[in-house]
PDB file of all heavy atoms in Angstrom:
ATOM      1  N   MET A   1      41.592 -21.553  78.594  1.00  0.00           N
ATOM      2  CA  MET A   1      42.569 -22.651  78.714  1.00  0.00           C
ATOM      3  C   MET A   1      42.129 -23.797  77.801  1.00  0.00           C
ATOM      4  O   MET A   1      40.904 -24.063  77.665  1.00  0.00           O
ATOM      5  CB  MET A   1      42.632 -23.146  80.140  1.00  0.00           C
ATOM      6  CG  MET A   1      43.170 -22.164  81.088  1.00  0.00           C
ATOM      7  SD  MET A   1      43.135 -22.861  82.759  1.00  0.00           S
ATOM      8  CE  MET A   1      43.933 -21.566  83.654  1.00  0.00           C
ATOM      9  N   GLN A   2      43.065 -24.525  77.252  1.00  0.00           N
ATOM     10  CA  GLN A   2      42.743 -25.715  76.469  1.00  0.00           C
ATOM     11  C   GLN A   2      42.073 -26.755  77.349  1.00  0.00           C
ATOM     12  O   GLN A   2      42.340 -26.820  78.549  1.00  0.00           O
ATOM     13  CB  GLN A   2      44.046 -26.309  75.890  1.00  0.00           C
ATOM     14  CG  GLN A   2      44.750 -25.404  74.905  1.00  0.00           C
ATOM     15  CD  GLN A   2      46.042 -26.007  74.412  1.00  0.00           C
ATOM     16  OE1 GLN A   2      46.534 -26.968  75.001  1.00  0.00           O
ATOM     17  NE2 GLN A   2      46.641 -25.428  73.385  1.00  0.00           N
ATOM     18  N   LEU A   3      41.291 -27.611  76.711  1.00  0.00           N
ATOM     19  CA  LEU A   3      40.659 -28.738  77.396  1.00  0.00           C
ATOM     20  C   LEU A   3      39.824 -28.379  78.577  1.00  0.00           C
ATOM     21  O   LEU A   3      39.655 -29.109  79.545  1.00  0.00           O
ATOM     22  CB  LEU A   3      41.736 -29.784  77.847  1.00  0.00           C
ATOM     23  CG  LEU A   3      42.675 -30.300  76.739  1.00  0.00           C
ATOM     24  CD1 LEU A   3      43.796 -31.131  77.340  1.00  0.00           C
ATOM     25  CD2 LEU A   3      41.883 -31.111  75.731  1.00  0.00           C
ATOM     26  N   THR A   4      39.241 -27.147  78.529  1.00  0.00           N
ATOM     27  CA  THR A   4      38.487 -26.625  79.652  1.00  0.00           C
ATOM     28  C   THR A   4      37.105 -26.134  79.211  1.00  0.00           C
ATOM     29  O   THR A   4      37.028 -25.345  78.238  1.00  0.00           O
ATOM     30  CB  THR A   4      39.219 -25.463  80.369  1.00  0.00           C
ATOM     31  OG1 THR A   4      40.540 -25.919  80.694  1.00  0.00           O
ATOM     32  CG2 THR A   4      38.513 -25.016  81.594  1.00  0.00           C
ATOM     33  N   GLU A   5      36.071 -26.581  79.872  1.00  0.00           N
ATOM     34  CA  GLU A   5      34.693 -26.107  79.640  1.00  0.00           C
ATOM     35  C   GLU A   5      34.195 -25.435  80.896  1.00  0.00           C
ATOM     36  O   GLU A   5      34.453 -25.939  81.995  1.00  0.00           O
ATOM     37  CB  GLU A   5      33.793 -27.277  79.295  1.00  0.00           C
ATOM     38  CG  GLU A   5      34.006 -27.972  77.959  1.00  0.00           C
ATOM     39  CD  GLU A   5      33.008 -29.048  77.720  1.00  0.00           C
ATOM     40  OE1 GLU A   5      31.837 -28.738  77.506  1.00  0.00           O
ATOM     41  OE2 GLU A   5      33.411 -30.222  77.794  1.00  0.00           O
ATOM     42  N   VAL A   6      33.430 -24.352  80.706  1.00  0.00           N
ATOM     43  CA  VAL A   6      32.903 -23.606  81.860  1.00  0.00           C
ATOM     44  C   VAL A   6      31.419 -23.406  81.648  1.00  0.00           C
ATOM     45  O   VAL A   6      30.974 -23.072  80.558  1.00  0.00           O
ATOM     46  CB  VAL A   6      33.589 -22.254  82.004  1.00  0.00           C
ATOM     47  CG1 VAL A   6      33.032 -21.466  83.173  1.00  0.00           C
ATOM     48  CG2 VAL A   6      35.124 -22.416  82.163  1.00  0.00           C
ATOM     49  N   ARG A   7      30.676 -23.625  82.708  1.00  0.00           N
ATOM     50  CA  ARG A   7      29.244 -23.276  82.727  1.00  0.00           C
ATOM     51  C   ARG A   7      28.920 -22.547  84.017  1.00  0.00           C
ATOM     52  O   ARG A   7      29.683 -22.616  84.975  1.00  0.00           O
ATOM     53  CB  ARG A   7      28.367 -24.539  82.613  1.00  0.00           C
ATOM     54  CG  ARG A   7      28.478 -25.167  81.232  1.00  0.00           C
ATOM     55  CD  ARG A   7      27.433 -26.227  81.043  1.00  0.00           C
ATOM     56  NE  ARG A   7      27.551 -26.854  79.756  1.00  0.00           N
ATOM     57  CZ  ARG A   7      26.791 -27.865  79.355  1.00  0.00           C
ATOM     58  NH1 ARG A   7      25.872 -28.339  80.154  1.00  0.00           N
ATOM     59  NH2 ARG A   7      26.983 -28.396  78.152  1.00  0.00           N
ATOM     60  N   TYR A   8      27.775 -21.853  84.015  1.00  0.00           N
ATOM     61  CA  TYR A   8      27.422 -20.984  85.157  1.00  0.00           C
ATOM     62  C   TYR A   8      26.066 -21.382  85.730  1.00  0.00           C
ATOM     63  O   TYR A   8      25.150 -21.761  85.000  1.00  0.00           O
ATOM     64  CB  TYR A   8      27.332 -19.536  84.674  1.00  0.00           C
ATOM     65  CG  TYR A   8      28.645 -19.056  84.058  1.00  0.00           C
ATOM     66  CD1 TYR A   8      28.884 -19.156  82.707  1.00  0.00           C
ATOM     67  CD2 TYR A   8      29.649 -18.520  84.868  1.00  0.00           C
ATOM     68  CE1 TYR A   8      30.081 -18.763  82.157  1.00  0.00           C
ATOM     69  CE2 TYR A   8      30.860 -18.101  84.294  1.00  0.00           C
ATOM     70  CZ  TYR A   8      31.055 -18.222  82.920  1.00  0.00           C
ATOM     71  OH  TYR A   8      32.252 -17.820  82.405  1.00  0.00           O
ATOM     72  N   LEU A   9      25.949 -21.301  87.026  1.00  0.00           N
ATOM     73  CA  LEU A   9      24.710 -21.540  87.756  1.00  0.00           C
ATOM     74  C   LEU A   9      24.396 -20.305  88.594  1.00  0.00           C
ATOM     75  O   LEU A   9      25.318 -19.585  89.041  1.00  0.00           O
ATOM     76  CB  LEU A   9      24.822 -22.738  88.707  1.00  0.00           C
ATOM     77  CG  LEU A   9      24.583 -24.099  88.116  1.00  0.00           C
ATOM     78  CD1 LEU A   9      24.855 -25.182  89.183  1.00  0.00           C
ATOM     79  CD2 LEU A   9      23.195 -24.286  87.563  1.00  0.00           C
ATOM     80  N   ASP A  10      23.124 -20.079  88.846  1.00  0.00           N
ATOM     81  CA  ASP A  10      22.686 -18.981  89.702  1.00  0.00           C
ATOM     82  C   ASP A  10      22.704 -19.475  91.137  1.00  0.00           C
ATOM     83  O   ASP A  10      21.629 -19.739  91.750  1.00  0.00           O
ATOM     84  CB  ASP A  10      21.312 -18.494  89.268  1.00  0.00           C
ATOM     85  CG  ASP A  10      20.880 -17.236  90.011  1.00  0.00           C
ATOM     86  OD1 ASP A  10      21.732 -16.615  90.653  1.00  0.00           O
ATOM     87  OD2 ASP A  10      19.685 -16.925  89.958  1.00  0.00           O
ATOM     88  N   VAL A  11      23.899 -19.660  91.674  1.00  0.00           N
ATOM     89  CA  VAL A  11      24.036 -20.203  93.012  1.00  0.00           C
ATOM     90  C   VAL A  11      25.242 -19.546  93.648  1.00  0.00           C
ATOM     91  O   VAL A  11      26.243 -19.282  92.990  1.00  0.00           O
ATOM     92  CB  VAL A  11      24.173 -21.732  92.931  1.00  0.00           C
ATOM     93  CG1 VAL A  11      25.543 -22.191  92.713  1.00  0.00           C
ATOM     94  CG2 VAL A  11      23.526 -22.439  94.092  1.00  0.00           C
ATOM     95  N   GLU A  12      25.160 -19.166  94.896  1.00  0.00           N
ATOM     96  CA  GLU A  12      26.230 -18.486  95.591  1.00  0.00           C
ATOM     97  C   GLU A  12      26.913 -19.468  96.526  1.00  0.00           C
ATOM     98  O   GLU A  12      26.278 -20.034  97.430  1.00  0.00           O
ATOM     99  CB  GLU A  12      25.711 -17.302  96.372  1.00  0.00           C
ATOM    100  CG  GLU A  12      26.773 -16.455  97.005  1.00  0.00           C
ATOM    101  CD  GLU A  12      27.591 -15.648  95.968  1.00  0.00           C
ATOM    102  OE1 GLU A  12      27.013 -15.203  94.962  1.00  0.00           O
ATOM    103  OE2 GLU A  12      28.767 -15.507  96.196  1.00  0.00           O
ATOM    104  N   THR A  13      28.192 -19.735  96.344  1.00  0.00           N
ATOM    105  CA  THR A  13      28.918 -20.627  97.219  1.00  0.00           C
ATOM    106  C   THR A  13      30.391 -20.215  97.285  1.00  0.00           C
ATOM    107  O   THR A  13      30.910 -19.567  96.338  1.00  0.00           O
ATOM    108  CB  THR A  13      28.847 -22.092  96.705  1.00  0.00           C
ATOM    109  OG1 THR A  13      29.549 -22.922  97.600  1.00  0.00           O
ATOM    110  CG2 THR A  13      29.348 -22.238  95.312  1.00  0.00           C
ATOM    111  N   LYS A  14      31.030 -20.504  98.369  1.00  0.00           N
ATOM    112  CA  LYS A  14      32.463 -20.232  98.536  1.00  0.00           C
ATOM    113  C   LYS A  14      33.232 -21.533  98.598  1.00  0.00           C
ATOM    114  O   LYS A  14      34.324 -21.542  99.137  1.00  0.00           O
ATOM    115  CB  LYS A  14      32.663 -19.384  99.756  1.00  0.00           C
ATOM    116  CG  LYS A  14      32.103 -17.988  99.640  1.00  0.00           C
ATOM    117  CD  LYS A  14      32.388 -17.141 100.830  1.00  0.00           C
ATOM    118  CE  LYS A  14      31.803 -15.732 100.576  1.00  0.00           C
ATOM    119  NZ  LYS A  14      31.838 -14.919 101.731  1.00  0.00           N
ATOM    120  N   THR A  15      32.628 -22.586  98.108  1.00  0.00           N
ATOM    121  CA  THR A  15      33.292 -23.883  98.124  1.00  0.00           C
ATOM    122  C   THR A  15      33.249 -24.446  96.720  1.00  0.00           C
ATOM    123  O   THR A  15      32.266 -24.358  96.012  1.00  0.00           O
ATOM    124  CB  THR A  15      32.593 -24.858  99.072  1.00  0.00           C
ATOM    125  OG1 THR A  15      32.559 -24.270 100.384  1.00  0.00           O
ATOM    126  CG2 THR A  15      33.319 -26.169  99.162  1.00  0.00           C
ATOM    127  N   GLU A  16      34.363 -25.064  96.300  1.00  0.00           N
ATOM    128  CA  GLU A  16      34.317 -25.773  95.031  1.00  0.00           C
ATOM    129  C   GLU A  16      34.719 -27.219  95.288  1.00  0.00           C
ATOM    130  O   GLU A  16      35.320 -27.539  96.329  1.00  0.00           O
ATOM    131  CB  GLU A  16      35.278 -25.154  93.994  1.00  0.00           C
ATOM    132  CG  GLU A  16      36.746 -25.366  94.255  1.00  0.00           C
ATOM    133  CD  GLU A  16      37.592 -24.758  93.182  1.00  0.00           C
ATOM    134  OE1 GLU A  16      37.591 -23.545  92.975  1.00  0.00           O
ATOM    135  OE2 GLU A  16      38.310 -25.566  92.510  1.00  0.00           O
ATOM    136  N   TYR A  17      34.321 -28.091  94.387  1.00  0.00           N
ATOM    137  CA  TYR A  17      34.720 -29.498  94.498  1.00  0.00           C
ATOM    138  C   TYR A  17      35.077 -30.032  93.149  1.00  0.00           C
ATOM    139  O   TYR A  17      34.738 -29.477  92.146  1.00  0.00           O
ATOM    140  CB  TYR A  17      33.609 -30.321  95.209  1.00  0.00           C
ATOM    141  CG  TYR A  17      32.484 -30.734  94.328  1.00  0.00           C
ATOM    142  CD1 TYR A  17      32.570 -31.879  93.537  1.00  0.00           C
ATOM    143  CD2 TYR A  17      31.317 -29.975  94.241  1.00  0.00           C
ATOM    144  CE1 TYR A  17      31.541 -32.294  92.730  1.00  0.00           C
ATOM    145  CE2 TYR A  17      30.279 -30.364  93.455  1.00  0.00           C
ATOM    146  CZ  TYR A  17      30.391 -31.524  92.681  1.00  0.00           C
ATOM    147  OH  TYR A  17      29.355 -31.886  91.874  1.00  0.00           O
ATOM    148  N   GLY A  18      35.778 -31.088  93.217  1.00  0.00           N
ATOM    149  CA  GLY A  18      36.187 -31.751  91.940  1.00  0.00           C
ATOM    150  C   GLY A  18      36.464 -33.216  92.212  1.00  0.00           C
ATOM    151  O   GLY A  18      36.580 -33.679  93.326  1.00  0.00           O
ATOM    152  N   VAL A  19      36.467 -33.948  91.084  1.00  0.00           N
ATOM    153  CA  VAL A  19      36.653 -35.386  91.116  1.00  0.00           C
ATOM    154  C   VAL A  19      37.684 -35.714  90.013  1.00  0.00           C
ATOM    155  O   VAL A  19      37.589 -35.199  88.893  1.00  0.00           O
ATOM    156  CB  VAL A  19      35.367 -36.142  90.837  1.00  0.00           C
ATOM    157  CG1 VAL A  19      35.589 -37.631  90.792  1.00  0.00           C
ATOM    158  CG2 VAL A  19      34.297 -35.764  91.863  1.00  0.00           C
ATOM    159  N   LEU A  20      38.667 -36.503  90.374  1.00  0.00           N
ATOM    160  CA  LEU A  20      39.618 -37.017  89.391  1.00  0.00           C
ATOM    161  C   LEU A  20      39.959 -38.455  89.771  1.00  0.00           C
ATOM    162  O   LEU A  20      40.492 -38.703  90.859  1.00  0.00           O
ATOM    163  CB  LEU A  20      40.894 -36.174  89.356  1.00  0.00           C
ATOM    164  CG  LEU A  20      41.953 -36.594  88.369  1.00  0.00           C
ATOM    165  CD1 LEU A  20      41.406 -36.555  86.910  1.00  0.00           C
ATOM    166  CD2 LEU A  20      43.191 -35.718  88.481  1.00  0.00           C
ATOM    167  N   ASN A  21      39.561 -39.377  88.901  1.00  0.00           N
ATOM    168  CA  ASN A  21      39.720 -40.773  89.206  1.00  0.00           C
ATOM    169  C   ASN A  21      39.042 -41.154  90.501  1.00  0.00           C
ATOM    170  O   ASN A  21      37.843 -40.897  90.674  1.00  0.00           O
ATOM    171  CB  ASN A  21      41.210 -41.197  89.133  1.00  0.00           C
ATOM    172  CG  ASN A  21      41.792 -40.910  87.763  1.00  0.00           C
ATOM    173  OD1 ASN A  21      41.108 -41.024  86.762  1.00  0.00           O
ATOM    174  ND2 ASN A  21      43.038 -40.543  87.759  1.00  0.00           N
ATOM    175  N   ASP A  22      39.782 -41.728  91.472  1.00  0.00           N
ATOM    176  CA  ASP A  22      39.193 -42.065  92.778  1.00  0.00           C
ATOM    177  C   ASP A  22      39.326 -40.971  93.809  1.00  0.00           C
ATOM    178  O   ASP A  22      39.049 -41.194  94.971  1.00  0.00           O
ATOM    179  CB  ASP A  22      39.846 -43.368  93.307  1.00  0.00           C
ATOM    180  CG  ASP A  22      39.416 -44.581  92.545  1.00  0.00           C
ATOM    181  OD1 ASP A  22      38.407 -44.534  91.836  1.00  0.00           O
ATOM    182  OD2 ASP A  22      40.061 -45.637  92.699  1.00  0.00           O
ATOM    183  N   TYR A  23      39.784 -39.779  93.407  1.00  0.00           N
ATOM    184  CA  TYR A  23      39.969 -38.694  94.362  1.00  0.00           C
ATOM    185  C   TYR A  23      38.807 -37.713  94.270  1.00  0.00           C
ATOM    186  O   TYR A  23      38.333 -37.362  93.182  1.00  0.00           O
ATOM    187  CB  TYR A  23      41.277 -37.951  94.035  1.00  0.00           C
ATOM    188  CG  TYR A  23      42.466 -38.747  94.387  1.00  0.00           C
ATOM    189  CD1 TYR A  23      43.120 -39.547  93.437  1.00  0.00           C
ATOM    190  CD2 TYR A  23      43.012 -38.682  95.658  1.00  0.00           C
ATOM    191  CE1 TYR A  23      44.232 -40.285  93.750  1.00  0.00           C
ATOM    192  CE2 TYR A  23      44.167 -39.431  96.011  1.00  0.00           C
ATOM    193  CZ  TYR A  23      44.750 -40.212  95.016  1.00  0.00           C
ATOM    194  OH  TYR A  23      45.874 -40.937  95.337  1.00  0.00           O
ATOM    195  N   PHE A  24      38.424 -37.219  95.419  1.00  0.00           N
ATOM    196  CA  PHE A  24      37.382 -36.215  95.574  1.00  0.00           C
ATOM    197  C   PHE A  24      38.001 -35.092  96.398  1.00  0.00           C
ATOM    198  O   PHE A  24      38.676 -35.345  97.408  1.00  0.00           O
ATOM    199  CB  PHE A  24      36.165 -36.798  96.298  1.00  0.00           C
ATOM    200  CG  PHE A  24      35.190 -35.795  96.823  1.00  0.00           C
ATOM    201  CD1 PHE A  24      34.412 -35.057  95.995  1.00  0.00           C
ATOM    202  CD2 PHE A  24      35.119 -35.583  98.163  1.00  0.00           C
ATOM    203  CE1 PHE A  24      33.546 -34.102  96.431  1.00  0.00           C
ATOM    204  CE2 PHE A  24      34.228 -34.643  98.685  1.00  0.00           C
ATOM    205  CZ  PHE A  24      33.450 -33.898  97.803  1.00  0.00           C
ATOM    206  N   PHE A  25      37.822 -33.822  95.993  1.00  0.00           N
ATOM    207  CA  PHE A  25      38.382 -32.741  96.760  1.00  0.00           C
ATOM    208  C   PHE A  25      37.372 -31.634  96.967  1.00  0.00           C
ATOM    209  O   PHE A  25      36.454 -31.408  96.169  1.00  0.00           O
ATOM    210  CB  PHE A  25      39.676 -32.180  96.116  1.00  0.00           C
ATOM    211  CG  PHE A  25      39.493 -31.452  94.811  1.00  0.00           C
ATOM    212  CD1 PHE A  25      39.080 -30.157  94.760  1.00  0.00           C
ATOM    213  CD2 PHE A  25      39.673 -32.143  93.615  1.00  0.00           C
ATOM    214  CE1 PHE A  25      38.903 -29.489  93.553  1.00  0.00           C
ATOM    215  CE2 PHE A  25      39.498 -31.492  92.378  1.00  0.00           C
ATOM    216  CZ  PHE A  25      39.111 -30.192  92.348  1.00  0.00           C
ATOM    217  N   LEU A  26      37.528 -30.931  98.081  1.00  0.00           N
ATOM    218  CA  LEU A  26      36.746 -29.770  98.456  1.00  0.00           C
ATOM    219  C   LEU A  26      37.702 -28.629  98.759  1.00  0.00           C
ATOM    220  O   LEU A  26      38.707 -28.878  99.407  1.00  0.00           O
ATOM    221  CB  LEU A  26      35.888 -30.017  99.694  1.00  0.00           C
ATOM    222  CG  LEU A  26      34.688 -30.902  99.594  1.00  0.00           C
ATOM    223  CD1 LEU A  26      34.187 -31.280 100.970  1.00  0.00           C
ATOM    224  CD2 LEU A  26      33.599 -30.164  98.844  1.00  0.00           C
TER     225      LEU A  26
END
């Protein structure tokens, strides 16, 4: 996808989070 960067960690989780401006999501 355009404007998208991806990196990988050696960590197992079933939750993602993100931040956009003053919003935080899980």
